PDB file of N, CA and C in Angstrom:
ATOM      1  N   MET A   1     127.902 119.774 109.963  1.00  0.00           N
ATOM      2  CA  MET A   1     128.327 120.075 108.608  1.00  0.00           C
ATOM      3  C   MET A   1     129.755 119.565 108.391  1.00  0.00           C
ATOM      4  N   LYS A   2     129.970 119.095 107.202  1.00  0.00           N
ATOM      5  CA  LYS A   2     131.289 118.598 106.807  1.00  0.00           C
ATOM      6  C   LYS A   2     131.747 119.400 105.603  1.00  0.00           C
ATOM      7  N   ARG A   3     132.949 119.901 105.649  1.00  0.00           N
ATOM      8  CA  ARG A   3     133.497 120.681 104.543  1.00  0.00           C
ATOM      9  C   ARG A   3     134.193 119.735 103.573  1.00  0.00           C
ATOM     10  N   LEU A   4     133.886 119.890 102.278  1.00  0.00           N
ATOM     11  CA  LEU A   4     134.488 119.064 101.236  1.00  0.00           C
ATOM     12  C   LEU A   4     135.061 119.959 100.139  1.00  0.00           C
ATOM     13  N   ASN A   5     136.150 119.533  99.571  1.00  0.00           N
ATOM     14  CA  ASN A   5     136.676 120.177  98.369  1.00  0.00           C
ATOM     15  C   ASN A   5     136.321 119.269  97.202  1.00  0.00           C
ATOM     16  N   ILE A   6     135.609 119.816  96.236  1.00  0.00           N
ATOM     17  CA  ILE A   6     135.203 119.013  95.087  1.00  0.00           C
ATOM     18  C   ILE A   6     135.668 119.677  93.802  1.00  0.00           C
ATOM     19  N   THR A   7     135.764 118.889  92.764  1.00  0.00           N
ATOM     20  CA  THR A   7     136.123 119.388  91.442  1.00  0.00           C
ATOM     21  C   THR A   7     134.931 119.175  90.527  1.00  0.00           C
ATOM     22  N   LEU A   8     134.549 120.229  89.817  1.00  0.00           N
ATOM     23  CA  LEU A   8     133.419 120.166  88.888  1.00  0.00           C
ATOM     24  C   LEU A   8     133.897 120.451  87.475  1.00  0.00           C
ATOM     25  N   PRO A   9     133.229 119.872  86.494  1.00  0.00           N
ATOM     26  CA  PRO A   9     133.546 120.236  85.108  1.00  0.00           C
ATOM     27  C   PRO A   9     133.326 121.744  84.905  1.00  0.00           C
ATOM     28  N   GLU A  10     134.127 122.316  84.048  1.00  0.00           N
ATOM     29  CA  GLU A  10     134.082 123.768  83.818  1.00  0.00           C
ATOM     30  C   GLU A  10     132.680 124.260  83.468  1.00  0.00           C
ATOM     31  N   GLU A  11     131.962 123.511  82.610  1.00  0.00           N
ATOM     32  CA  GLU A  11     130.638 123.974  82.189  1.00  0.00           C
ATOM     33  C   GLU A  11     129.646 124.017  83.352  1.00  0.00           C
ATOM     34  N   ILE A  12     129.770 123.089  84.280  1.00  0.00           N
ATOM     35  CA  ILE A  12     128.887 123.108  85.452  1.00  0.00           C
ATOM     36  C   ILE A  12     129.283 124.264  86.372  1.00  0.00           C
ATOM     37  N   ALA A  13     130.562 124.458  86.557  1.00  0.00           N
ATOM     38  CA  ALA A  13     131.036 125.576  87.385  1.00  0.00           C
ATOM     39  C   ALA A  13     130.535 126.899  86.832  1.00  0.00           C
ATOM     40  N   GLN A  14     130.538 127.051  85.506  1.00  0.00           N
ATOM     41  CA  GLN A  14     130.043 128.281  84.884  1.00  0.00           C
ATOM     42  C   GLN A  14     128.542 128.466  85.115  1.00  0.00           C
ATOM     43  N   GLU A  15     127.795 127.359  85.042  1.00  0.00           N
ATOM     44  CA  GLU A  15     126.344 127.452  85.224  1.00  0.00           C
ATOM     45  C   GLU A  15     125.958 127.845  86.638  1.00  0.00           C
ATOM     46  N   ILE A  16     126.752 127.447  87.636  1.00  0.00           N
ATOM     47  CA  ILE A  16     126.377 127.763  89.016  1.00  0.00           C
ATOM     48  C   ILE A  16     127.128 128.972  89.583  1.00  0.00           C
ATOM     49  N   LYS A  17     127.936 129.633  88.774  1.00  0.00           N
ATOM     50  CA  LYS A  17     128.772 130.722  89.293  1.00  0.00           C
ATOM     51  C   LYS A  17     127.959 131.862  89.895  1.00  0.00           C
ATOM     52  N   ASP A  18     126.745 132.118  89.389  1.00  0.00           N
ATOM     53  CA  ASP A  18     125.943 133.236  89.888  1.00  0.00           C
ATOM     54  C   ASP A  18     124.954 132.826  90.988  1.00  0.00           C
ATOM     55  N   ILE A  19     124.963 131.586  91.370  1.00  0.00           N
ATOM     56  CA  ILE A  19     124.073 131.140  92.442  1.00  0.00           C
ATOM     57  C   ILE A  19     124.684 131.580  93.768  1.00  0.00           C
ATOM     58  N   PRO A  20     123.905 132.329  94.567  1.00  0.00           N
ATOM     59  CA  PRO A  20     124.475 132.894  95.797  1.00  0.00           C
ATOM     60  C   PRO A  20     124.931 131.840  96.818  1.00  0.00           C
ATOM     61  N   ASN A  21     124.160 130.801  97.030  1.00  0.00           N
ATOM     62  CA  ASN A  21     124.503 129.778  98.031  1.00  0.00           C
ATOM     63  C   ASN A  21     124.862 128.481  97.308  1.00  0.00           C
ATOM     64  N   LYS A  22     126.058 128.436  96.763  1.00  0.00           N
ATOM     65  CA  LYS A  22     126.491 127.270  95.990  1.00  0.00           C
ATOM     66  C   LYS A  22     126.494 125.996  96.842  1.00  0.00           C
ATOM     67  N   SER A  23     126.946 126.101  98.080  1.00  0.00           N
ATOM     68  CA  SER A  23     126.980 124.918  98.951  1.00  0.00           C
ATOM     69  C   SER A  23     125.578 124.363  99.163  1.00  0.00           C
ATOM     70  N   GLY A  24     124.626 125.229  99.437  1.00  0.00           N
ATOM     71  CA  GLY A  24     123.243 124.786  99.621  1.00  0.00           C
ATOM     72  C   GLY A  24     122.674 124.186  98.347  1.00  0.00           C
ATOM     73  N   PHE A  25     122.978 124.817  97.213  1.00  0.00           N
ATOM     74  CA  PHE A  25     122.492 124.335  95.921  1.00  0.00           C
ATOM     75  C   PHE A  25     123.053 122.941  95.618  1.00  0.00           C
ATOM     76  N   ILE A  26     124.355 122.781  95.802  1.00  0.00           N
ATOM     77  CA  ILE A  26     124.999 121.492  95.530  1.00  0.00           C
ATOM     78  C   ILE A  26     124.500 120.437  96.514  1.00  0.00           C
ATOM     79  N   SER A  27     124.345 120.809  97.772  1.00  0.00           N
ATOM     80  CA  SER A  27     123.844 119.871  98.777  1.00  0.00           C
ATOM     81  C   SER A  27     122.447 119.383  98.418  1.00  0.00           C
ATOM     82  N   GLU A  28     121.581 120.307  97.999  1.00  0.00           N
ATOM     83  CA  GLU A  28     120.222 119.934  97.604  1.00  0.00           C
ATOM     84  C   GLU A  28     120.234 119.030  96.368  1.00  0.00           C
ATOM     85  N   ALA A  29     121.090 119.344  95.399  1.00  0.00           N
ATOM     86  CA  ALA A  29     121.178 118.531  94.178  1.00  0.00           C
ATOM     87  C   ALA A  29     121.661 117.113  94.508  1.00  0.00           C
ATOM     88  N   VAL A  30     122.651 117.008  95.375  1.00  0.00           N
ATOM     89  CA  VAL A  30     123.172 115.688  95.763  1.00  0.00           C
ATOM     90  C   VAL A  30     122.088 114.909  96.511  1.00  0.00           C
ATOM     91  N   LYS A  31     121.365 115.587  97.408  1.00  0.00           N
ATOM     92  CA  LYS A  31     120.300 114.930  98.171  1.00  0.00           C
ATOM     93  C   LYS A  31     119.216 114.408  97.232  1.00  0.00           C
ATOM     94  N   GLU A  32     118.808 115.217  96.252  1.00  0.00           N
ATOM     95  CA  GLU A  32     117.797 114.782  95.285  1.00  0.00           C
ATOM     96  C   GLU A  32     118.274 113.561  94.499  1.00  0.00           C
ATOM     97  N   LYS A  33     119.529 113.575  94.086  1.00  0.00           N
ATOM     98  CA  LYS A  33     120.086 112.443  93.335  1.00  0.00           C
ATOM     99  C   LYS A  33     120.126 111.186  94.204  1.00  0.00           C
ATOM    100  N   LEU A  34     120.551 111.323  95.458  1.00  0.00           N
ATOM    101  CA  LEU A  34     120.597 110.173  96.367  1.00  0.00           C
ATOM    102  C   LEU A  34     119.191 109.627  96.632  1.00  0.00           C
ATOM    103  N   ASP A  35     118.217 110.522  96.787  1.00  0.00           N
ATOM    104  CA  ASP A  35     116.822 110.086  96.978  1.00  0.00           C
ATOM    105  C   ASP A  35     116.348 109.276  95.780  1.00  0.00           C
ATOM    106  N   ARG A  36     116.676 109.741  94.568  1.00  0.00           N
ATOM    107  CA  ARG A  36     116.292 109.035  93.339  1.00  0.00           C
ATOM    108  C   ARG A  36     116.942 107.651  93.275  1.00  0.00           C
ATOM    109  N   ILE A  37     118.223 107.597  93.600  1.00  0.00           N
ATOM    110  CA  ILE A  37     118.947 106.320  93.585  1.00  0.00           C
ATOM    111  C   ILE A  37     118.329 105.348  94.592  1.00  0.00           C
ATOM    112  N   ASN A  38     118.052 105.841  95.794  1.00  0.00           N
ATOM    113  CA  ASN A  38     117.465 104.977  96.823  1.00  0.00           C
ATOM    114  C   ASN A  38     116.067 104.510  96.436  1.00  0.00           C
ATOM    115  N   LYS A  39     115.285 105.371  95.796  1.00  0.00           N
ATOM    116  CA  LYS A  39     113.950 104.978  95.345  1.00  0.00           C
ATOM    117  C   LYS A  39     114.051 103.900  94.265  1.00  0.00           C
ATOM    118  N   GLU A  40     114.990 104.072  93.341  1.00  0.00           N
ATOM    119  CA  GLU A  40     115.189 103.067  92.295  1.00  0.00           C
ATOM    120  C   GLU A  40     115.599 101.720  92.894  1.00  0.00           C
ATOM    121  N   LYS A  41     116.459 101.742  93.907  1.00  0.00           N
ATOM    122  CA  LYS A  41     116.868 100.500  94.574  1.00  0.00           C
ATOM    123  C   LYS A  41     115.673  99.833  95.239  1.00  0.00           C
ATOM    124  N   LEU A  42     114.856 100.636  95.930  1.00  0.00           N
ATOM    125  CA  LEU A  42     113.675 100.097  96.600  1.00  0.00           C
ATOM    126  C   LEU A  42     112.691  99.531  95.589  1.00  0.00           C
ATOM    127  N   ASP A  43     112.451 100.263  94.507  1.00  0.00           N
ATOM    128  CA  ASP A  43     111.551  99.772  93.456  1.00  0.00           C
ATOM    129  C   ASP A  43     112.035  98.430  92.911  1.00  0.00           C
ATOM    130  N   LYS A  44     113.339  98.325  92.682  1.00  0.00           N
ATOM    131  CA  LYS A  44     113.905  97.081  92.153  1.00  0.00           C
ATOM    132  C   LYS A  44     113.701  95.932  93.140  1.00  0.00           C
ATOM    133  N   LEU A  45     113.946  96.190  94.430  1.00  0.00           N
ATOM    134  CA  LEU A  45     113.748  95.163  95.447  1.00  0.00           C
ATOM    135  C   LEU A  45     112.285  94.735  95.537  1.00  0.00           C
ATOM    136  N   LEU A  46     111.375  95.703  95.462  1.00  0.00           N
ATOM    137  CA  LEU A  46     109.945  95.379  95.520  1.00  0.00           C
ATOM    138  C   LEU A  46     109.532  94.531  94.321  1.00  0.00           C
ATOM    139  N   ILE A  47     110.004  94.896  93.145  1.00  0.00           N
ATOM    140  CA  ILE A  47     109.680  94.128  91.937  1.00  0.00           C
ATOM    141  C   ILE A  47     110.211  92.703  92.064  1.00  0.00           C
ATOM    142  N   GLU A  48     111.448  92.560  92.521  1.00  0.00           N
ATOM    143  CA  GLU A  48     112.025  91.229  92.706  1.00  0.00           C
ATOM    144  C   GLU A  48     111.217  90.426  93.721  1.00  0.00           C
ATOM    145  N   GLY A  49     110.787  91.087  94.800  1.00  0.00           N
ATOM    146  CA  GLY A  49     109.993  90.408  95.821  1.00  0.00           C
ATOM    147  C   GLY A  49     108.646  89.962  95.286  1.00  0.00           C
ATOM    148  N   TYR A  50     107.988  90.843  94.525  1.00  0.00           N
ATOM    149  CA  TYR A  50     106.694  90.477  93.938  1.00  0.00           C
ATOM    150  C   TYR A  50     106.848  89.308  92.966  1.00  0.00           C
ATOM    151  N   LYS A  51     107.902  89.345  92.168  1.00  0.00           N
ATOM    152  CA  LYS A  51     108.128  88.250  91.221  1.00  0.00           C
ATOM    153  C   LYS A  51     108.417  86.938  91.952  1.00  0.00           C
ATOM    154  N   ALA A  52     109.155  87.027  93.048  1.00  0.00           N
ATOM    155  CA  ALA A  52     109.523  85.825  93.794  1.00  0.00           C
ATOM    156  C   ALA A  52     108.311  85.169  94.456  1.00  0.00           C
ATOM    157  N   THR A  53     107.311  85.963  94.814  1.00  0.00           N
ATOM    158  CA  THR A  53     106.145  85.399  95.511  1.00  0.00           C
ATOM    159  C   THR A  53     104.930  85.270  94.601  1.00  0.00           C
ATOM    160  N   ARG A  54     105.105  85.531  93.324  1.00  0.00           N
ATOM    161  CA  ARG A  54     103.985  85.509  92.381  1.00  0.00           C
ATOM    162  C   ARG A  54     103.261  84.160  92.370  1.00  0.00           C
ATOM    163  N   LYS A  55     104.009  83.070  92.299  1.00  0.00           N
ATOM    164  CA  LYS A  55     103.396  81.741  92.231  1.00  0.00           C
ATOM    165  C   LYS A  55     102.622  81.450  93.517  1.00  0.00           C
ATOM    166  N   GLU A  56     103.246  81.732  94.652  1.00  0.00           N
ATOM    167  CA  GLU A  56     102.587  81.495  95.941  1.00  0.00           C
ATOM    168  C   GLU A  56     101.318  82.350  96.073  1.00  0.00           C
ATOM    169  N   ASP A  57     101.403  83.607  95.662  1.00  0.00           N
ATOM    170  CA  ASP A  57     100.234  84.494  95.723  1.00  0.00           C
ATOM    171  C   ASP A  57      99.097  83.966  94.852  1.00  0.00           C
ATOM    172  N   LYS A  58      99.442  83.461  93.677  1.00  0.00           N
ATOM    173  CA  LYS A  58      98.423  82.927  92.773  1.00  0.00           C
ATOM    174  C   LYS A  58      97.734  81.716  93.402  1.00  0.00           C
ATOM    175  N   GLU A  59      98.523  80.832  94.027  1.00  0.00           N
ATOM    176  CA  GLU A  59      97.952  79.654  94.681  1.00  0.00           C
ATOM    177  C   GLU A  59      97.031  80.057  95.830  1.00  0.00           C
ATOM    178  N   ILE A  60      97.441  81.015  96.623  1.00  0.00           N
ATOM    179  CA  ILE A  60      96.602  81.485  97.737  1.00  0.00           C
ATOM    180  C   ILE A  60      95.308  82.092  97.204  1.00  0.00           C
ATOM    181  N   ASN A  61      95.410  82.894  96.154  1.00  0.00           N
ATOM    182  CA  ASN A  61      94.211  83.495  95.565  1.00  0.00           C
ATOM    183  C   ASN A  61      93.245  82.428  95.050  1.00  0.00           C
ATOM    184  N   GLN A  62      93.774  81.389  94.446  1.00  0.00           N
ATOM    185  CA  GLN A  62      92.911  80.309  93.946  1.00  0.00           C
ATOM    186  C   GLN A  62      92.215  79.591  95.096  1.00  0.00           C
ATOM    187  N   GLU A  63      92.944  79.371  96.207  1.00  0.00           N
ATOM    188  CA  GLU A  63      92.334  78.735  97.371  1.00  0.00           C
ATOM    189  C   GLU A  63      91.207  79.605  97.938  1.00  0.00           C
ATOM    190  N   TRP A  64      91.460  80.897  98.063  1.00  0.00           N
ATOM    191  CA  TRP A  64      90.440  81.804  98.581  1.00  0.00           C
ATOM    192  C   TRP A  64      89.242  81.872  97.644  1.00  0.00           C
ATOM    193  N   GLU A  65      89.507  81.836  96.366  1.00  0.00           N
ATOM    194  CA  GLU A  65      88.416  81.888  95.389  1.00  0.00           C
ATOM    195  C   GLU A  65      87.499  80.677  95.561  1.00  0.00           C
ATOM    196  N   LYS A  66      88.096  79.498  95.752  1.00  0.00           N
ATOM    197  CA  LYS A  66      87.303  78.286  95.970  1.00  0.00           C
ATOM    198  C   LYS A  66      86.454  78.417  97.230  1.00  0.00           C
ATOM    199  N   ILE A  67      87.068  78.880  98.312  1.00  0.00           N
ATOM    200  CA  ILE A  67      86.361  79.019  99.587  1.00  0.00           C
ATOM    201  C   ILE A  67      85.248  80.056  99.469  1.00  0.00           C
ATOM    202  N   THR A  68      85.525  81.154  98.822  1.00  0.00           N
ATOM    203  CA  THR A  68      84.547  82.233  98.677  1.00  0.00           C
ATOM    204  C   THR A  68      83.356  81.784  97.846  1.00  0.00           C
ATOM    205  N   LEU A  69      83.589  80.994  96.819  1.00  0.00           N
ATOM    206  CA  LEU A  69      82.511  80.586  95.914  1.00  0.00           C
ATOM    207  C   LEU A  69      81.733  79.372  96.413  1.00  0.00           C
ATOM    208  N   GLU A  70      82.200  78.677  97.464  1.00  0.00           N
ATOM    209  CA  GLU A  70      81.535  77.478  97.957  1.00  0.00           C
ATOM    210  C   GLU A  70      80.068  77.712  98.295  1.00  0.00           C
ATOM    211  N   GLY A  71      79.743  78.769  98.952  1.00  0.00           N
ATOM    212  CA  GLY A  71      78.367  79.035  99.357  1.00  0.00           C
ATOM    213  C   GLY A  71      77.469  79.498  98.235  1.00  0.00           C
ATOM    214  N   TRP A  72      78.015  79.832  97.085  1.00  0.00           N
ATOM    215  CA  TRP A  72      77.238  80.383  95.975  1.00  0.00           C
ATOM    216  C   TRP A  72      76.867  79.335  94.938  1.00  0.00           C
ATOM    217  N   LYS A  73      77.340  78.149  95.114  1.00  0.00           N
ATOM    218  CA  LYS A  73      77.057  77.106  94.109  1.00  0.00           C
ATOM    219  C   LYS A  73      75.801  76.378  94.441  1.00  0.00           C
TER     220      LYS A  73
END
């Protein structure tokens, strides 16, 4: 565990004043936010990767389609 001193806006401090385990609550909130940020980064990377290989994937699919249909003609 690492101890941190943080400053919160007054309205947020008021909202969490009655929460018994403020450290646990804040830690969980930060973890959820970091998870969301990391998921968004991963989603963005995956989308970029799919876009980058779209042309190659289409060409491979066309080749497989030709091979697959050869015996049916």
